[in-house]
Protein backbone atom coordinates (compact mmCIF):
# COMPACT_ATOMS: atom_id res chain seq x y z
CA MET A 1 -29.81 88.24 7.36
CA GLU A 2 -26.47 89.18 5.99
CA GLY A 3 -24.32 87.26 3.56
CA ASN A 4 -24.75 83.55 4.19
CA HIS A 5 -25.89 83.87 7.81
CA CYS A 6 -29.06 84.69 9.71
CA PHE A 7 -28.18 86.60 12.88
CA ILE A 8 -30.47 86.42 15.92
CA TYR A 9 -30.46 89.28 18.40
CA SER A 10 -32.03 89.66 21.84
CA PRO A 11 -34.44 92.55 22.52
CA SER A 12 -31.42 94.44 23.95
CA SER A 13 -29.59 94.02 20.59
CA LYS A 14 -27.14 91.42 21.91
CA LEU A 15 -26.14 88.79 19.35
CA ILE A 16 -27.39 85.45 20.71
CA GLY A 17 -26.99 83.22 17.68
CA GLN A 18 -26.29 82.84 14.01
CA ILE A 19 -27.53 80.29 11.52
CA PRO A 20 -25.52 79.48 8.39
CA LYS A 21 -27.20 79.14 5.00
CA ASN A 22 -27.14 75.52 3.86
CA ARG A 23 -28.24 74.71 0.29
CA GLY A 24 -30.44 77.79 0.13
CA LEU A 25 -32.04 77.33 3.57
CA TYR A 26 -31.21 78.66 7.01
CA ARG A 27 -31.25 75.36 8.85
CA ILE A 28 -30.62 74.48 12.48
CA ASP A 29 -29.45 70.96 13.18
CA PRO A 30 -30.30 70.27 16.82
CA ILE A 31 -28.24 67.81 18.79
CA PRO A 32 -30.45 64.74 19.21
CA PRO A 33 -31.04 63.71 22.83
CA GLU A 34 -29.69 60.44 24.03
CA PRO A 35 -32.47 57.84 23.89
CA GLU A 36 -33.49 56.65 27.34
CA HIS A 37 -34.99 53.41 26.11
CA SER A 38 -33.63 52.63 22.69
CA ALA A 39 -35.60 49.36 22.56
CA ASN A 40 -38.83 51.39 22.56
CA SER A 41 -37.82 53.66 19.70
CA ALA A 42 -38.98 52.72 16.23
CA VAL A 43 -38.77 54.44 12.90
CA LYS A 44 -42.01 54.49 10.97
CA ALA A 45 -42.16 55.69 7.40
CA LEU A 46 -44.71 58.42 6.82
CA THR A 47 -47.12 58.31 3.93
CA ILE A 48 -47.01 61.23 1.52
CA THR A 49 -50.44 62.32 2.82
CA GLN A 50 -49.26 62.32 6.46
CA LEU A 51 -46.22 64.40 5.51
CA HIS A 52 -48.44 66.73 3.45
CA ARG A 53 -50.56 67.45 6.54
CA LEU A 54 -47.60 67.75 8.90
CA MET A 55 -45.81 70.22 6.62
CA GLY A 56 -48.79 72.55 6.27
CA HIS A 57 -50.31 71.17 3.05
CA VAL A 58 -47.27 71.61 0.81
CA ASN A 59 -47.58 70.19 -2.73
CA TYR A 60 -47.00 66.42 -2.85
CA ASP A 61 -44.34 66.58 -5.59
CA ASP A 62 -42.45 69.30 -3.73
CA LEU A 63 -42.48 67.17 -0.56
CA ARG A 64 -41.03 64.16 -2.39
CA HIS A 65 -38.35 66.40 -3.92
CA MET A 66 -37.46 67.89 -0.50
CA VAL A 67 -37.11 64.45 1.11
CA ASN A 68 -35.18 62.94 -1.83
CA LYS A 69 -32.72 65.86 -1.98
CA GLY A 70 -32.14 65.85 1.78
CA LEU A 71 -33.71 69.27 2.35
CA VAL A 72 -35.90 67.69 5.04
CA THR A 73 -34.10 65.50 7.54
CA GLY A 74 -35.43 63.06 10.10
CA VAL A 75 -38.25 61.95 7.82
CA GLU A 76 -38.57 58.57 6.21
CA LEU A 77 -41.12 58.60 3.42
CA ASP A 78 -42.98 55.49 2.31
CA PRO A 79 -42.01 55.31 -1.39
CA ASN A 80 -45.15 53.31 -2.26
CA SER A 81 -47.64 55.73 -0.71
CA LYS A 82 -50.05 57.51 -3.02
CA PRO A 83 -51.43 61.01 -2.43
CA GLU A 84 -54.96 61.04 -1.04
CA PHE A 85 -57.66 63.63 -1.74
CA CYS A 86 -57.16 66.62 0.59
CA ASP A 87 -60.42 68.36 1.47
CA VAL A 88 -58.57 71.13 3.33
CA CYS A 89 -56.59 72.10 0.22
CA VAL A 90 -59.73 72.13 -1.91
CA ARG A 91 -61.59 74.36 0.56
CA ALA A 92 -58.62 76.71 0.82
CA LYS A 93 -58.52 77.20 -2.95
CA VAL A 94 -62.24 77.86 -3.48
CA THR A 95 -62.77 80.66 -5.94
CA ARG A 96 -65.78 82.81 -6.61
CA LYS A 97 -67.38 83.41 -9.98
CA PRO A 98 -66.70 86.85 -11.41
CA PHE A 99 -69.49 89.40 -11.45
CA PRO A 100 -71.27 89.39 -14.82
CA LYS A 101 -70.63 92.30 -17.17
CA HIS A 102 -74.36 92.80 -17.74
CA SER A 103 -77.19 92.39 -15.27
CA THR A 104 -80.13 90.14 -16.13
CA HIS A 105 -83.68 90.55 -14.90
CA ASP A 106 -84.76 86.93 -15.31
CA GLY A 107 -87.22 85.81 -12.66
CA ILE A 108 -87.46 89.20 -10.97
CA LYS A 109 -91.10 90.04 -10.41
CA ALA A 110 -91.22 91.97 -7.15
CA TYR A 111 -89.12 94.38 -5.12
CA GLY A 112 -86.44 92.42 -3.21
CA ASP A 113 -86.27 89.46 -5.60
CA LYS A 114 -82.72 90.52 -6.52
CA VAL A 115 -80.33 92.09 -4.04
CA VAL A 116 -76.92 93.44 -5.06
CA SER A 117 -74.48 94.73 -2.46
CA ASP A 118 -70.89 95.85 -2.21
CA VAL A 119 -69.18 94.16 0.74
CA TRP A 120 -65.68 95.55 0.10
CA GLY A 121 -64.14 97.67 2.84
CA PRO A 122 -63.89 97.78 6.59
């Protein structure tokens, strides 16, 4: 990337393409193919949840902003759709509790009742 262009080179270092920067993004606008059967084509508005899943679980507010500002083209968003609960996002953001500063011996009566291990490393 140099200046306001992204240059694409072949493995033999031959320049095969360049993409201009457009509103902060390097965007390629493909030429749409001619529709073979235009009567069969229909535009369906996506819900915010469908777009969230298609775009790799991007934040709902960011998706609305991208569509409204024209940063995403070819997408019609249903303005009345409400975000649904996303189990995938919740599972991806699961955190662990920190290790306690002091060890407790509650309920430990025999060898092996409490096991502590360090699983960091290769």
